[in-house]
Amino acid sequence: MRNSPELPQKLLENLNTGVLLLDAHLVIVYMNPAAEALLQVSGKRGEGSNFADLANEAGTDTEPMKRALKTGHSYTKREARIQLHNQREVTLDYSVSPIAHPSTRMPALLIELQGRDRLMRISREEQLIAKQETTRSLVRGMAHEVKNPLGGIRGAAQLLERELPSESLKEYTQIIIEEADRLRDLVDRMLGPRTLPKQESINIHEVLERVCQLIDVESEGSIHIERDYDPSIPETEADKGQLIQATLNICRNAMQALQRGPCSTKVPELTIRTRTMRQFTIGQKRHRLVAQIDIIDNGPGIPSELQESLFYPMVSGRADGTGLGLSISQSIINQVSGIIECSSAPGHTIFSIFLPLETP
């Protein structure tokens, strides 16, 4: 086995690192399965194609590769943005090493590719989850410090009200009591759901249809709702009411953004799309099956300065907003080991809910 000529081939085929061999004209003469997956092209189509036709790094050309062939010097690029043949963009680390072609002994390039998108997403999710936990701890501490004196203020106002000689003066104590109650309710909302989820078997699409009905009524039919469902998604165990609340908060924000406008098209449109993801990692945990619920609108987008802090309490892009809806939604989804992510540009804002469907 040690001297088997098949061993190097089998090793290359089972590497997680993409490996490409280019000839002196930068034509691909070999690519392993990992490279096929990273460049999203089959080996049959990729081999014999010019590398630049399959992958282009933004803002650069093939001159560095040609220079490496001439000088014999290797080089490495980190987190390079690569546009693929299908117009998709991926983030890759890659190394270019000049070698002699194993058969012809002519100059060639060995390229090693490592995907960064998944690692960057996992790192981003870990940071988001850690920030959410920190925020919850701060809110819980603040809630304790605020609610205790509020209770004292309310009690003192009630005692004072009993001692007042005139009914007309009680109007002022009522204001104190009502404002104390309002602040208490605000703190409770900041804390999010106060009960554990009531697990029951639910169909995700029933939840989404309920949300669509509510949005259609609230918008008075002014928003076109596009459904793009994957019927293969199985039922899952979750709290139906909380899941409706989490999804409705996001859809309601999208509806309000569409009503403020402007939209990328003449028709305000909200798209709800569902898909399944296999062997998907959320934070540090890998799940065998995950439902991805995308809520997409063609509104004006979210200001860039708000995108990093969207899921914090009291952060809102509207003057009349409380900034609690997205924070509560994230808390609800976190309770079932899921996560909500967001990306936004003018004319295209997408909130993605990742919801585990199976326990690993």
Protein backbone atom coordinates (compact mmCIF):
# COMPACT_ATOMS: atom_id res chain seq x y z
CA MET A 1 0.00 0.00 0.00
CA ARG A 2 2.90 2.33 0.83
CA ASN A 3 4.23 2.17 -2.76
CA SER A 4 0.83 2.05 -4.44
CA PRO A 5 0.59 4.60 -7.31
CA GLU A 6 -3.08 5.09 -6.36
CA LEU A 7 -2.24 6.48 -2.91
CA PRO A 8 -1.42 10.09 -3.97
CA GLN A 9 -4.59 10.20 -6.09
CA LYS A 10 -6.77 8.96 -3.21
CA LEU A 11 -5.20 11.46 -0.84
CA LEU A 12 -5.90 14.33 -3.23
CA GLU A 13 -9.50 13.20 -3.72
CA ASN A 14 -10.16 13.15 0.04
CA LEU A 15 -8.54 16.45 0.97
CA ASN A 16 -10.72 19.27 2.29
CA THR A 17 -8.31 21.70 0.61
CA GLY A 18 -9.00 22.42 -3.05
CA VAL A 19 -6.05 21.58 -5.30
CA LEU A 20 -5.62 22.81 -8.89
CA LEU A 21 -2.82 22.24 -11.37
CA LEU A 22 -2.44 24.88 -14.11
CA ASP A 23 -0.17 24.68 -17.12
CA ALA A 24 2.00 27.54 -18.40
CA HIS A 25 -1.04 29.05 -20.16
CA LEU A 26 -3.06 29.00 -16.89
CA VAL A 27 -5.29 26.24 -18.23
CA ILE A 28 -6.57 23.81 -15.60
CA VAL A 29 -5.17 20.31 -16.14
CA TYR A 30 -6.33 18.85 -12.81
CA MET A 31 -8.73 19.71 -10.00
CA ASN A 32 -9.69 17.60 -7.01
CA PRO A 33 -13.29 17.24 -5.70
CA ALA A 34 -12.72 19.92 -3.01
CA ALA A 35 -11.71 22.41 -5.73
CA GLU A 36 -14.81 21.46 -7.73
CA ALA A 37 -16.98 22.24 -4.71
CA LEU A 38 -15.26 25.56 -3.96
CA LEU A 39 -15.38 26.77 -7.58
CA GLN A 40 -18.87 25.27 -8.09
CA VAL A 41 -17.93 23.51 -11.30
CA SER A 42 -17.51 19.85 -12.24
CA GLY A 43 -14.05 18.52 -13.03
CA LYS A 44 -15.22 17.48 -16.49
CA ARG A 45 -16.12 21.09 -17.30
CA GLY A 46 -13.31 22.72 -15.35
CA GLU A 47 -10.35 20.76 -16.71
CA GLY A 48 -9.28 22.29 -20.01
CA SER A 49 -10.74 25.70 -19.10
CA ASN A 50 -8.69 28.80 -18.45
CA PHE A 51 -8.58 29.55 -14.72
CA ALA A 52 -9.68 33.16 -15.30
CA ASP A 53 -12.88 31.91 -16.98
CA LEU A 54 -13.91 30.08 -13.82
CA ALA A 55 -12.70 32.43 -11.09
CA ASN A 56 -11.71 36.09 -11.01
CA GLU A 57 -10.43 37.99 -8.02
CA ALA A 58 -12.08 41.38 -7.67
CA GLY A 59 -9.80 44.19 -8.81
CA THR A 60 -6.96 41.96 -10.02
CA ASP A 61 -5.96 39.98 -13.10
CA THR A 62 -3.75 36.94 -13.77
CA GLU A 63 -0.49 38.93 -13.84
CA PRO A 64 0.64 37.74 -10.36
CA MET A 65 0.28 34.12 -11.53
CA LYS A 66 2.22 34.77 -14.73
CA ARG A 67 4.88 36.52 -12.68
CA ALA A 68 5.09 33.54 -10.33
CA LEU A 69 5.69 31.27 -13.34
CA LYS A 70 8.56 33.46 -14.51
CA THR A 71 10.23 34.10 -11.16
CA GLY A 72 9.49 30.80 -9.44
CA HIS A 73 8.30 32.62 -6.32
CA SER A 74 5.26 31.41 -4.39
CA TYR A 75 2.66 33.74 -2.90
CA THR A 76 -0.44 33.57 -0.72
CA LYS A 77 -3.63 35.66 -0.55
CA ARG A 78 -5.97 35.75 2.45
CA GLU A 79 -9.73 36.28 2.32
CA ALA A 80 -9.74 37.08 -1.38
CA ARG A 81 -13.15 37.88 -2.90
CA ILE A 82 -13.51 35.61 -5.93
CA GLN A 83 -16.24 35.93 -8.54
CA LEU A 84 -17.10 32.53 -10.00
CA HIS A 85 -18.28 31.64 -13.49
CA ASN A 86 -21.90 31.65 -12.28
CA GLN A 87 -21.55 35.27 -11.00
CA ARG A 88 -21.55 34.18 -7.36
CA GLU A 89 -18.95 35.56 -4.98
CA VAL A 90 -16.99 33.46 -2.51
CA THR A 91 -14.22 34.25 -0.05
CA LEU A 92 -11.11 32.09 -0.37
CA ASP A 93 -7.59 31.79 0.97
CA TYR A 94 -5.29 30.58 -1.78
CA SER A 95 -1.62 29.78 -2.30
CA VAL A 96 0.17 29.71 -5.67
CA SER A 97 3.32 27.59 -5.99
CA PRO A 98 5.35 27.25 -9.22
CA ILE A 99 6.33 23.61 -9.90
CA ALA A 100 7.38 21.44 -12.81
CA HIS A 101 4.53 19.56 -14.47
CA PRO A 102 4.74 15.91 -13.23
CA SER A 103 4.54 14.53 -16.79
CA THR A 104 5.91 17.13 -19.18
CA ARG A 105 8.36 18.80 -16.72
CA MET A 106 7.18 22.12 -18.13
CA PRO A 107 6.51 25.08 -15.79
CA ALA A 108 3.16 24.79 -14.00
CA LEU A 109 1.32 26.24 -11.03
CA LEU A 110 -0.04 24.37 -8.04
CA ILE A 111 -2.94 26.28 -6.46
CA GLU A 112 -4.33 25.41 -3.03
CA LEU A 113 -7.78 26.78 -2.14
CA GLN A 114 -9.46 27.00 1.24
CA GLY A 115 -13.00 28.30 1.62
CA ARG A 116 -13.46 31.08 4.16
CA ASP A 117 -17.18 31.86 3.87
CA ARG A 118 -18.31 29.10 6.23
CA LEU A 119 -15.58 29.85 8.81
CA MET A 120 -16.33 33.57 8.64
CA ARG A 121 -20.06 32.92 9.06
CA ILE A 122 -19.44 30.63 12.06
CA SER A 123 -17.17 33.26 13.63
CA ARG A 124 -19.76 35.97 12.99
CA GLU A 125 -22.50 33.81 14.56
CA GLU A 126 -20.37 33.07 17.61
CA GLN A 127 -19.81 36.80 18.10
CA LEU A 128 -23.52 37.49 17.63
CA ILE A 129 -24.53 34.81 20.15
CA ALA A 130 -21.92 36.05 22.65
CA LYS A 131 -23.14 39.64 22.25
CA GLN A 132 -26.74 38.51 22.72
CA GLU A 133 -25.83 36.71 25.95
CA THR A 134 -23.95 39.77 27.21
CA THR A 135 -26.87 42.04 26.30
CA ARG A 136 -29.35 39.75 28.08
CA SER A 137 -27.20 39.79 31.23
CA LEU A 138 -27.02 43.59 31.15
CA VAL A 139 -30.77 43.89 30.57
CA ARG A 140 -31.55 41.48 33.41
CA GLY A 141 -29.32 43.47 35.76
CA MET A 142 -30.87 46.75 34.64
CA ALA A 143 -34.38 45.32 34.96
CA HIS A 144 -33.70 44.33 38.56
CA GLU A 145 -32.31 47.78 39.40
CA VAL A 146 -35.20 49.60 37.67
CA LYS A 147 -38.14 47.47 38.80
CA ASN A 148 -37.33 47.63 42.51
CA PRO A 149 -37.51 51.44 42.82
CA LEU A 150 -40.48 51.48 40.42
CA GLY A 151 -42.37 49.25 42.82
CA GLY A 152 -41.52 51.62 45.67
CA ILE A 153 -42.59 54.69 43.67
CA ARG A 154 -45.89 53.05 42.72
CA GLY A 155 -46.59 51.95 46.30
CA ALA A 156 -45.77 55.40 47.67
CA ALA A 157 -48.08 57.03 45.12
CA GLN A 158 -50.93 54.72 46.15
CA LEU A 159 -50.40 55.52 49.83
CA LEU A 160 -50.25 59.24 49.05
CA GLU A 161 -53.46 59.00 47.04
CA ARG A 162 -55.34 57.71 50.11
CA GLU A 163 -54.23 60.70 52.17
CA LEU A 164 -55.11 63.40 49.65
CA PRO A 165 -58.01 65.61 50.76
CA SER A 166 -59.27 66.41 47.27
CA GLU A 167 -60.27 64.12 44.39
CA SER A 168 -58.82 66.61 41.92
CA LEU A 169 -55.34 66.06 43.40
CA LYS A 170 -55.55 62.31 42.76
CA GLU A 171 -55.07 62.99 39.06
CA TYR A 172 -51.37 63.56 39.76
CA THR A 173 -50.87 60.35 41.70
CA GLN A 174 -52.64 58.44 38.91
CA ILE A 175 -50.10 59.85 36.43
CA ILE A 176 -47.27 58.59 38.67
CA ILE A 177 -48.87 55.12 38.92
CA GLU A 178 -49.59 54.86 35.19
CA GLU A 179 -46.07 55.95 34.19
CA ALA A 180 -44.54 53.51 36.69
CA ASP A 181 -46.66 50.72 35.15
CA ARG A 182 -45.59 51.78 31.66
CA LEU A 183 -41.92 51.62 32.58
CA ARG A 184 -42.43 48.23 34.23
CA ASP A 185 -44.09 46.90 31.07
CA LEU A 186 -41.25 48.29 28.95
CA VAL A 187 -38.66 46.50 31.09
CA ASP A 188 -40.67 43.26 30.86
CA ARG A 189 -40.74 43.55 27.07
CA MET A 190 -36.98 44.12 27.01
CA LEU A 191 -36.53 40.86 28.91
CA GLY A 192 -38.43 39.01 26.18
CA PRO A 193 -40.38 35.76 26.74
CA ARG A 194 -40.57 34.95 30.43
CA THR A 195 -41.79 31.38 30.04
CA LEU A 196 -40.18 28.28 28.57
CA PRO A 197 -41.35 27.34 25.06
CA LYS A 198 -44.40 25.05 24.94
CA GLN A 199 -43.09 22.38 22.62
CA GLU A 200 -45.55 20.94 20.14
CA SER A 201 -45.34 19.42 16.68
CA ILE A 202 -45.84 22.22 14.13
CA ASN A 203 -45.65 22.77 10.41
CA ILE A 204 -43.45 25.81 9.69
CA HIS A 205 -45.57 26.76 6.70
CA GLU A 206 -48.72 26.97 8.85
CA VAL A 207 -46.85 29.49 11.03
CA LEU A 208 -45.76 31.48 7.97
CA GLU A 209 -49.25 31.47 6.47
CA ARG A 210 -50.64 32.88 9.71
CA VAL A 211 -48.01 35.64 9.61
CA CYS A 212 -48.84 36.36 5.95
CA GLN A 213 -52.53 36.74 6.83
CA LEU A 214 -51.72 39.22 9.61
CA ILE A 215 -49.39 41.27 7.38
CA ASP A 216 -51.95 41.30 4.58
CA VAL A 217 -54.61 42.64 6.96
CA GLU A 218 -52.32 45.23 8.58
CA SER A 219 -51.06 46.51 5.22
CA GLU A 220 -54.59 46.52 3.81
CA GLY A 221 -53.39 44.54 0.81
CA SER A 222 -50.93 47.22 -0.29
CA ILE A 223 -47.96 44.81 -0.23
CA HIS A 224 -47.56 41.89 -2.60
CA ILE A 225 -46.55 38.77 -0.63
CA GLU A 226 -44.61 36.18 -2.62
CA ARG A 227 -44.39 32.64 -1.20
CA ASP A 228 -41.56 30.30 -2.16
CA TYR A 229 -41.94 27.26 0.06
CA ASP A 230 -40.05 23.97 0.19
CA PRO A 231 -42.77 21.37 0.81
CA SER A 232 -40.22 18.76 1.92
CA ILE A 233 -39.55 20.51 5.25
CA PRO A 234 -40.73 18.13 8.00
CA GLU A 235 -42.68 19.09 11.09
CA THR A 236 -40.64 20.17 14.08
CA GLU A 237 -41.03 20.64 17.82
CA ALA A 238 -41.42 24.31 18.76
CA ASP A 239 -43.67 26.82 20.50
CA LYS A 240 -46.10 27.86 17.78
CA GLY A 241 -47.12 31.13 19.42
CA GLN A 242 -43.55 32.25 20.04
CA LEU A 243 -42.48 31.28 16.50
CA ILE A 244 -45.36 33.32 15.07
CA GLN A 245 -44.29 36.26 17.24
CA ALA A 246 -40.63 36.02 16.17
CA THR A 247 -41.50 35.85 12.47
CA LEU A 248 -44.21 38.50 12.70
CA ASN A 249 -41.81 41.01 14.29
CA ILE A 250 -39.47 40.69 11.30
CA CYS A 251 -42.25 40.79 8.71
CA ARG A 252 -43.86 43.78 10.39
CA ASN A 253 -40.55 45.67 10.25
CA ALA A 254 -40.30 44.81 6.54
CA MET A 255 -43.88 45.99 5.98
CA GLN A 256 -43.20 49.32 7.69
CA ALA A 257 -40.01 49.78 5.65
CA LEU A 258 -41.93 49.10 2.43
CA GLN A 259 -44.63 51.58 3.40
CA ARG A 260 -42.01 54.26 4.02
CA GLY A 261 -40.36 53.43 0.65
CA PRO A 262 -38.84 53.86 -1.80
CA CYS A 263 -38.88 50.34 -3.28
CA SER A 264 -36.56 48.90 -5.91
CA THR A 265 -39.63 48.27 -8.08
CA LYS A 266 -42.99 50.02 -8.33
CA VAL A 267 -44.67 47.24 -6.34
CA PRO A 268 -43.75 46.83 -2.64
CA GLU A 269 -42.95 43.14 -2.33
CA LEU A 270 -42.33 40.82 0.60
CA THR A 271 -40.95 37.36 -0.23
CA ILE A 272 -41.00 34.49 2.23
CA ARG A 273 -38.79 31.58 1.18
CA THR A 274 -38.09 28.30 2.96
CA ARG A 275 -35.32 25.80 2.31
CA THR A 276 -33.58 22.96 4.14
CA MET A 277 -29.87 22.89 4.92
CA ARG A 278 -28.01 19.69 5.80
CA GLN A 279 -25.00 19.41 8.12
CA PHE A 280 -25.35 23.09 8.97
CA THR A 281 -23.39 24.73 11.76
CA ILE A 282 -24.99 27.32 14.05
CA GLY A 283 -22.43 28.82 16.39
CA GLN A 284 -20.28 25.85 17.42
CA LYS A 285 -22.97 23.18 17.04
CA ARG A 286 -23.54 21.21 13.87
CA HIS A 287 -27.11 20.15 13.06
CA ARG A 288 -28.08 17.40 10.66
CA LEU A 289 -31.06 19.29 9.30
CA VAL A 290 -31.93 22.99 9.55
CA ALA A 291 -34.84 25.00 8.14
CA GLN A 292 -33.85 28.32 6.59
CA ILE A 293 -36.64 30.90 6.49
CA ASP A 294 -35.75 33.94 4.39
CA ILE A 295 -37.84 37.12 4.73
CA ILE A 296 -36.93 39.42 1.84
CA ASP A 297 -38.20 42.89 1.01
CA ASN A 298 -37.40 45.34 -1.78
CA GLY A 299 -37.57 48.41 0.46
CA PRO A 300 -35.00 51.14 1.08
CA GLY A 301 -32.70 48.92 3.16
CA ILE A 302 -31.25 49.28 6.65
CA PRO A 303 -28.71 52.07 7.31
CA SER A 304 -25.21 50.60 7.49
CA GLU A 305 -24.59 52.15 10.92
CA LEU A 306 -27.50 50.12 12.36
CA GLN A 307 -26.75 46.75 10.81
CA GLU A 308 -24.21 45.65 13.43
CA SER A 309 -26.51 46.48 16.36
CA LEU A 310 -29.92 45.51 14.95
CA PHE A 311 -30.62 42.80 17.52
CA TYR A 312 -29.79 44.92 20.56
CA PRO A 313 -32.70 46.23 22.67
CA MET A 314 -33.75 49.85 22.07
CA VAL A 315 -32.08 50.02 18.62
CA SER A 316 -34.51 51.21 15.97
CA GLY A 317 -34.39 52.90 12.59
CA ARG A 318 -37.78 54.55 13.16
CA ALA A 319 -38.44 57.63 15.26
CA ASP A 320 -41.53 55.97 16.76
CA GLY A 321 -39.99 52.51 17.15
CA THR A 322 -39.23 50.85 20.49
CA GLY A 323 -36.32 48.78 19.13
CA LEU A 324 -37.53 45.64 20.93
CA GLY A 325 -39.04 43.54 18.13
CA LEU A 326 -35.84 42.12 16.64
CA SER A 327 -34.25 41.63 20.06
CA ILE A 328 -37.28 39.59 21.17
CA SER A 329 -37.26 37.59 17.91
CA GLN A 330 -33.58 36.72 18.34
CA SER A 331 -34.21 35.64 21.94
CA ILE A 332 -37.08 33.37 20.89
CA ILE A 333 -35.07 31.72 18.10
CA ASN A 334 -32.00 31.38 20.38
CA GLN A 335 -34.14 29.44 22.86
CA VAL A 336 -34.49 26.63 20.30
CA SER A 337 -30.77 26.74 19.35
CA GLY A 338 -31.43 28.78 16.20
CA ILE A 339 -30.21 32.16 15.03
CA ILE A 340 -31.36 35.11 12.90
CA GLU A 341 -28.97 36.80 10.46
CA CYS A 342 -29.44 39.89 8.34
CA SER A 343 -27.91 41.42 5.23
CA SER A 344 -29.21 44.60 3.66
CA ALA A 345 -28.66 46.86 0.69
CA PRO A 346 -31.02 49.37 -0.91
CA GLY A 347 -33.73 47.38 -2.68
CA HIS A 348 -32.86 44.06 -1.05
CA THR A 349 -33.02 43.29 2.67
CA ILE A 350 -33.00 39.69 3.82
CA PHE A 351 -33.52 38.29 7.30
CA SER A 352 -32.66 34.60 7.53
CA ILE A 353 -33.98 32.45 10.38
CA PHE A 354 -32.04 29.21 10.86
CA LEU A 355 -34.12 26.73 12.85
CA PRO A 356 -32.79 23.25 13.75
CA LEU A 357 -35.21 20.49 12.77
CA GLU A 358 -33.42 17.59 14.39
CA THR A 359 -31.50 17.14 17.59
CA PRO A 360 -27.96 15.99 16.80
